[in-house]
Amino acid sequence: MAGQTNAAPVIIKRKKIVGGGGHHGGAWKVAYADFVTAMMAFFLLMWLLNATTEKQRKGLSDYFNPSIPVNRVSGGGDGTLGGETLFTEQTKVHNGTGGTSKDAGASDGQVSDTLRDEGEDQKLQAVEKALFDRGGESRTMEQLLQHVVTRVTDEGLVIELFDLPDAPLFTGDTASPAPVTVALAAMLVEVMNLTANEVAVNGHVHTYPVTLANNPVWDLSAARAQSVRMLLEAAGLQTARLQRIGGFADRKPAVADPAAIRNNRIEIVLLRRDR
C-alpha cells in the first residue's frame, strides 16, 4: 500500500490535430447557390413560355406592366374614397360636404363622363368574357381562341386575330381567308351581337424584303381587312354597325421583329358608344 501511495501520478496529454490547409471560407457556396437559383428560374421561364397560350402570356405581361389602372381615382388608397379627401372635386359623399359648387348643375338627370365610361367598360368586358367562355365548349373552340387576344383601350374593345406558325389566317400572301378565319368570324359575330356598338376592322401585315419591286404591304393589309368585313357581314353582323376599314401595312408591328408572322393580324374593334 505504501508503494502505491508514493507512485507518480499519470498525466494524459491530448493534442488537437488540425488537418488540411486551414479554413478557406464559404463564399463559393453562396455563388453556387445563386447560380442554381438562376438556372431554376431560367428553366421555369422556358417551361412557362412553352406551356402557356398567347393570351395567357399577354395577361401575365399586363399584370406586371399594367396599362389600365386598377382604380380610376389616382391615390394611395383603394377604399371608399379611393385615396382622396372629403373635399376634392371628385369625391361626392351623402351629406353633401364633398367638392364645391362647380358641379352643382350635374345632378339634373345628367350622367358624368366617369359613370358612362364605367358602364361602357362593363359592357365591353362582358363581351370579352363571353368570347373566351366559348373556349370551354369544345376542343375546336379552344383551338380557335389560340388566335385571339383582347384588350380594352380608350377606343374600345380590341379583338386581335393573328397568325400562328402552323395555322395562318389567310392563304399565302393573299387576302383569301383560311377556314380558321371563317370560323373565327362566325364566333365573333355571335358575341359582338350582345351589344350594338359600332365596329372597325384594321389590317396589319409583317414587313417584306425591301428588295421587292412592288411591296404589297399596303394593298394586302387593306384587302385582308375588307375580306374580314365581308366575313363578318356574311355571319350576321349588321352592315350599319361597320364604321371604317383600315389597312396599316407594316407600320404598327406587334412584336420587336417586324418580319415575324405574329405581325400578320386583324384587329376588330368594338368602338365605345360614348366617344
Protein backbone atom coordinates (compact mmCIF):
# COMPACT_ATOMS: atom_id res chain seq x y z
CA MET A 1 0.00 0.00 0.00
CA ALA A 2 2.83 2.36 0.81
CA GLY A 3 4.36 1.72 -2.62
CA GLN A 4 1.18 2.51 -4.34
CA THR A 5 0.81 5.73 -2.39
CA ASN A 6 4.20 7.02 -3.46
CA ALA A 7 3.68 6.24 -7.18
CA ALA A 8 3.98 9.16 -9.59
CA PRO A 9 0.67 10.46 -10.94
CA VAL A 10 -0.22 9.58 -14.51
CA ILE A 11 -0.55 12.68 -16.75
CA ILE A 12 -2.51 12.29 -20.01
CA LYS A 13 -1.88 14.86 -22.74
CA ARG A 14 -4.40 15.30 -25.55
CA LYS A 15 -3.25 17.01 -28.74
CA LYS A 16 -5.72 18.59 -31.11
CA ILE A 17 -4.64 17.76 -34.64
CA VAL A 18 -5.96 20.14 -37.29
CA GLY A 19 -5.97 18.60 -40.77
CA GLY A 20 -5.97 20.32 -44.15
CA GLY A 21 -4.67 23.66 -45.14
CA GLY A 22 -6.95 25.68 -42.92
CA HIS A 23 -10.30 27.37 -43.46
CA HIS A 24 -10.84 28.77 -46.98
CA GLY A 25 -14.23 30.45 -46.47
CA GLY A 26 -17.67 29.58 -47.86
CA ALA A 27 -18.15 32.32 -50.46
CA TRP A 28 -18.15 29.74 -53.25
CA LYS A 29 -21.21 28.09 -51.70
CA VAL A 30 -23.17 31.34 -51.89
CA ALA A 31 -22.14 31.84 -55.51
CA TYR A 32 -23.10 28.28 -56.38
CA ALA A 33 -26.49 28.67 -54.68
CA ASP A 34 -27.13 31.84 -56.69
CA PHE A 35 -26.20 30.03 -59.89
CA VAL A 36 -28.55 27.12 -59.14
CA THR A 37 -31.39 29.55 -58.31
CA ALA A 38 -30.82 31.46 -61.55
CA MET A 39 -30.84 28.25 -63.58
CA MET A 40 -34.06 27.11 -61.88
CA ALA A 41 -35.70 30.44 -62.71
CA PHE A 42 -34.48 30.19 -66.31
CA PHE A 43 -35.87 26.69 -66.85
CA LEU A 44 -39.13 27.70 -65.16
CA LEU A 45 -39.40 30.62 -67.59
CA MET A 46 -38.75 28.32 -70.55
CA TRP A 47 -41.43 25.94 -69.31
CA LEU A 48 -43.95 28.73 -68.88
CA LEU A 49 -43.32 30.05 -72.40
CA ASN A 50 -43.93 26.59 -73.79
CA ALA A 51 -46.93 25.70 -71.61
CA THR A 52 -48.99 28.90 -71.90
CA THR A 53 -51.05 30.37 -74.72
CA GLU A 54 -50.57 33.78 -76.30
CA LYS A 55 -53.46 35.22 -74.29
CA GLN A 56 -52.09 33.85 -71.02
CA ARG A 57 -48.69 35.36 -71.72
CA LYS A 58 -50.35 38.66 -72.58
CA GLY A 59 -52.23 38.53 -69.27
CA LEU A 60 -49.01 37.90 -67.35
CA SER A 61 -47.32 40.77 -69.16
CA ASP A 62 -50.20 43.13 -68.40
CA TYR A 63 -50.18 42.07 -64.75
CA PHE A 64 -46.57 43.14 -64.28
CA ASN A 65 -46.86 46.15 -66.57
CA PRO A 66 -50.49 47.30 -66.33
CA SER A 67 -51.72 49.82 -68.87
CA ILE A 68 -55.14 50.22 -67.23
CA PRO A 69 -55.25 51.46 -63.63
CA VAL A 70 -56.95 49.27 -61.09
CA ASN A 71 -58.63 52.31 -59.59
CA ARG A 72 -59.85 55.21 -61.76
CA VAL A 73 -59.16 57.63 -58.92
CA SER A 74 -55.44 58.19 -58.51
CA GLY A 75 -54.35 57.80 -54.93
CA GLY A 76 -52.75 55.52 -52.42
CA GLY A 77 -55.96 54.06 -51.06
CA ASP A 78 -58.47 51.67 -52.56
CA GLY A 79 -61.26 52.08 -50.08
CA THR A 80 -64.41 54.19 -50.12
CA LEU A 81 -62.66 57.44 -51.02
CA GLY A 82 -60.00 55.87 -53.26
CA GLY A 83 -57.19 57.85 -51.67
CA GLU A 84 -58.99 61.21 -51.94
CA THR A 85 -60.14 63.52 -49.16
CA LEU A 86 -63.71 64.56 -48.47
CA PHE A 87 -63.09 67.94 -50.09
CA THR A 88 -61.75 67.02 -53.54
CA GLU A 89 -63.83 67.71 -56.63
CA GLN A 90 -64.15 64.00 -57.50
CA THR A 91 -65.48 62.98 -54.09
CA LYS A 92 -69.23 63.06 -53.52
CA VAL A 93 -70.47 62.00 -50.09
CA HIS A 94 -74.01 61.51 -48.92
CA ASN A 95 -74.06 64.51 -46.59
CA GLY A 96 -73.08 66.91 -49.40
CA THR A 97 -69.79 68.08 -47.90
CA GLY A 98 -67.53 66.87 -50.74
CA GLY A 99 -66.43 69.05 -53.67
CA THR A 100 -67.50 72.58 -54.49
CA SER A 101 -70.32 74.26 -56.33
CA LYS A 102 -68.83 73.86 -59.83
CA ASP A 103 -70.70 70.56 -60.30
CA ALA A 104 -73.95 71.84 -58.86
CA GLY A 105 -75.77 71.51 -62.17
CA ALA A 106 -74.60 67.98 -62.91
CA SER A 107 -77.36 66.30 -60.94
CA ASP A 108 -80.28 67.32 -63.16
CA GLY A 109 -80.66 63.93 -64.82
CA GLN A 110 -77.19 64.10 -66.37
CA VAL A 111 -74.67 61.27 -66.06
CA SER A 112 -71.00 62.12 -65.57
CA ASP A 113 -68.38 61.01 -68.10
CA THR A 114 -66.80 58.77 -65.48
CA LEU A 115 -70.01 56.86 -64.89
CA ARG A 116 -70.57 56.49 -68.63
CA ASP A 117 -67.06 55.18 -69.04
CA GLU A 118 -67.54 52.63 -66.26
CA GLY A 119 -70.82 51.42 -67.77
CA GLU A 120 -69.23 51.11 -71.21
CA ASP A 121 -66.26 49.23 -69.78
CA GLN A 122 -68.61 46.73 -68.16
CA LYS A 123 -70.37 46.10 -71.48
CA LEU A 124 -67.09 45.59 -73.32
CA GLN A 125 -65.74 43.31 -70.61
CA ALA A 126 -68.95 41.26 -70.77
CA VAL A 127 -68.36 40.71 -74.50
CA GLU A 128 -64.74 39.80 -73.79
CA LYS A 129 -65.78 37.27 -71.15
CA ALA A 130 -68.46 35.77 -73.39
CA LEU A 131 -65.85 35.31 -76.13
CA PHE A 132 -63.36 33.40 -74.01
CA ASP A 133 -66.10 31.39 -72.30
CA ARG A 134 -66.54 29.74 -75.70
CA GLY A 135 -63.21 28.04 -75.16
CA GLY A 136 -64.80 25.67 -72.68
CA GLU A 137 -67.45 24.47 -75.12
CA SER A 138 -65.25 22.25 -77.27
CA ARG A 139 -61.70 21.48 -78.29
CA THR A 140 -62.35 23.20 -81.62
CA MET A 141 -63.36 26.45 -79.91
CA GLU A 142 -60.28 26.26 -77.71
CA GLN A 143 -58.04 25.92 -80.77
CA LEU A 144 -59.75 28.88 -82.44
CA LEU A 145 -59.17 31.06 -79.41
CA GLN A 146 -55.44 30.43 -79.66
CA HIS A 147 -55.55 33.00 -82.48
CA VAL A 148 -57.20 35.63 -80.27
CA VAL A 149 -56.05 38.22 -77.76
CA THR A 150 -58.14 41.11 -76.49
CA ARG A 151 -57.59 44.39 -74.71
CA VAL A 152 -59.79 47.29 -73.62
CA THR A 153 -58.48 50.66 -74.77
CA ASP A 154 -59.73 54.22 -74.96
CA GLU A 155 -61.06 53.38 -78.42
CA GLY A 156 -62.97 50.31 -77.30
CA LEU A 157 -62.58 46.53 -77.09
CA VAL A 158 -59.83 45.42 -79.49
CA ILE A 159 -60.18 41.78 -80.60
CA GLU A 160 -56.94 40.80 -82.29
CA LEU A 161 -56.75 37.80 -84.62
CA PHE A 162 -53.22 36.72 -85.55
CA ASP A 163 -51.33 34.07 -87.49
CA LEU A 164 -49.93 31.01 -85.77
CA PRO A 165 -46.84 29.28 -87.23
CA ASP A 166 -48.86 26.27 -88.37
CA ALA A 167 -52.22 28.00 -88.89
CA PRO A 168 -52.23 31.28 -90.87
CA LEU A 169 -55.39 33.33 -91.18
CA PHE A 170 -55.03 33.75 -94.95
CA THR A 171 -53.74 31.63 -97.80
CA GLY A 172 -50.16 32.63 -98.56
CA ASP A 173 -49.63 36.30 -99.33
CA THR A 174 -53.23 36.82 -100.40
CA ALA A 175 -56.46 38.10 -98.87
CA SER A 176 -58.19 34.75 -99.30
CA PRO A 177 -59.34 33.70 -95.82
CA ALA A 178 -58.40 30.31 -94.44
CA PRO A 179 -61.13 28.10 -92.90
CA VAL A 180 -59.98 29.09 -89.43
CA THR A 181 -60.70 32.76 -90.25
CA VAL A 182 -64.20 31.94 -91.45
CA ALA A 183 -64.88 30.04 -88.21
CA LEU A 184 -63.43 32.87 -86.12
CA ALA A 185 -65.64 35.46 -87.86
CA ALA A 186 -68.76 33.42 -87.15
CA MET A 187 -67.83 33.02 -83.49
CA LEU A 188 -67.03 36.72 -83.11
CA VAL A 189 -70.33 37.85 -84.59
CA GLU A 190 -72.20 35.76 -82.02
CA VAL A 191 -70.58 37.60 -79.11
CA MET A 192 -70.46 41.03 -80.79
CA ASN A 193 -74.22 40.88 -81.27
CA LEU A 194 -74.53 41.05 -77.48
CA THR A 195 -74.05 44.81 -77.92
CA ALA A 196 -74.97 47.42 -80.50
CA ASN A 197 -71.54 49.07 -80.58
CA GLU A 198 -70.15 50.15 -83.92
CA VAL A 199 -67.26 48.18 -85.40
CA ALA A 200 -63.94 48.98 -87.06
CA VAL A 201 -61.67 46.50 -88.86
CA ASN A 202 -57.92 47.08 -89.19
CA GLY A 203 -55.47 45.01 -91.22
CA HIS A 204 -51.77 44.59 -90.40
CA VAL A 205 -49.03 42.55 -92.11
CA HIS A 206 -45.38 41.75 -91.47
CA THR A 207 -42.53 43.54 -93.19
CA TYR A 208 -41.48 42.22 -96.59
CA PRO A 209 -37.95 42.46 -98.03
CA VAL A 210 -37.14 45.95 -99.27
CA THR A 211 -35.78 44.45 -102.48
CA LEU A 212 -39.28 43.73 -103.77
CA ALA A 213 -40.19 45.87 -106.75
CA ASN A 214 -43.81 46.11 -105.64
CA ASN A 215 -44.12 45.98 -101.87
CA PRO A 216 -47.59 44.54 -101.12
CA VAL A 217 -47.96 45.68 -97.52
CA TRP A 218 -50.48 48.49 -98.08
CA ASP A 219 -52.72 46.73 -100.57
CA LEU A 220 -52.54 43.40 -98.74
CA SER A 221 -53.39 44.79 -95.31
CA ALA A 222 -56.36 46.74 -96.69
CA ALA A 223 -57.57 43.77 -98.75
CA ARG A 224 -57.43 41.46 -95.73
CA ALA A 225 -59.43 43.95 -93.65
CA GLN A 226 -62.04 44.08 -96.43
CA SER A 227 -62.13 40.29 -96.57
CA VAL A 228 -62.81 40.05 -92.83
CA ARG A 229 -65.50 42.73 -93.11
CA MET A 230 -67.31 40.60 -95.67
CA LEU A 231 -66.97 37.52 -93.45
CA LEU A 232 -68.49 39.40 -90.51
CA GLU A 233 -71.41 40.62 -92.60
CA ALA A 234 -71.97 37.13 -94.00
CA ALA A 235 -72.02 35.76 -90.46
CA GLY A 236 -74.80 38.15 -89.43
CA LEU A 237 -73.21 41.44 -88.38
CA GLN A 238 -75.38 44.39 -89.39
CA THR A 239 -73.77 46.42 -92.16
CA ALA A 240 -74.75 49.69 -90.47
CA ARG A 241 -72.53 48.88 -87.49
CA LEU A 242 -69.37 48.86 -89.61
CA GLN A 243 -67.84 52.33 -89.44
CA ARG A 244 -64.43 52.04 -91.02
CA ILE A 245 -61.94 49.69 -92.66
CA GLY A 246 -58.21 50.36 -92.41
CA GLY A 247 -55.00 48.93 -93.82
CA PHE A 248 -51.98 49.80 -91.69
CA ALA A 249 -49.39 47.85 -93.72
CA ASP A 250 -46.34 47.03 -91.55
CA ARG A 251 -46.34 50.36 -89.70
CA LYS A 252 -47.52 49.04 -86.31
CA PRO A 253 -45.72 45.75 -85.59
CA ALA A 254 -47.00 43.72 -82.64
CA VAL A 255 -43.56 42.29 -81.78
CA ALA A 256 -39.99 43.55 -81.94
CA ASP A 257 -39.15 41.67 -85.14
CA PRO A 258 -41.08 43.46 -87.92
CA ALA A 259 -40.72 40.43 -90.22
CA ALA A 260 -42.27 37.99 -87.72
CA ILE A 261 -45.51 36.32 -88.78
CA ARG A 262 -47.04 37.40 -85.48
CA ASN A 263 -47.43 40.81 -87.12
CA ASN A 264 -49.93 39.32 -89.59
CA ARG A 265 -53.11 40.18 -87.79
CA ILE A 266 -56.58 41.66 -88.00
CA GLU A 267 -57.92 43.98 -85.32
CA ILE A 268 -61.70 44.08 -84.88
CA VAL A 269 -62.61 46.99 -82.62
CA LEU A 270 -65.91 47.33 -80.78
CA LEU A 271 -65.98 51.11 -80.61
CA ARG A 272 -67.09 52.89 -77.47
CA ARG A 273 -70.51 54.42 -77.81
CA ASP A 274 -69.58 57.38 -75.60
CA ARG A 275 -66.83 58.67 -77.89
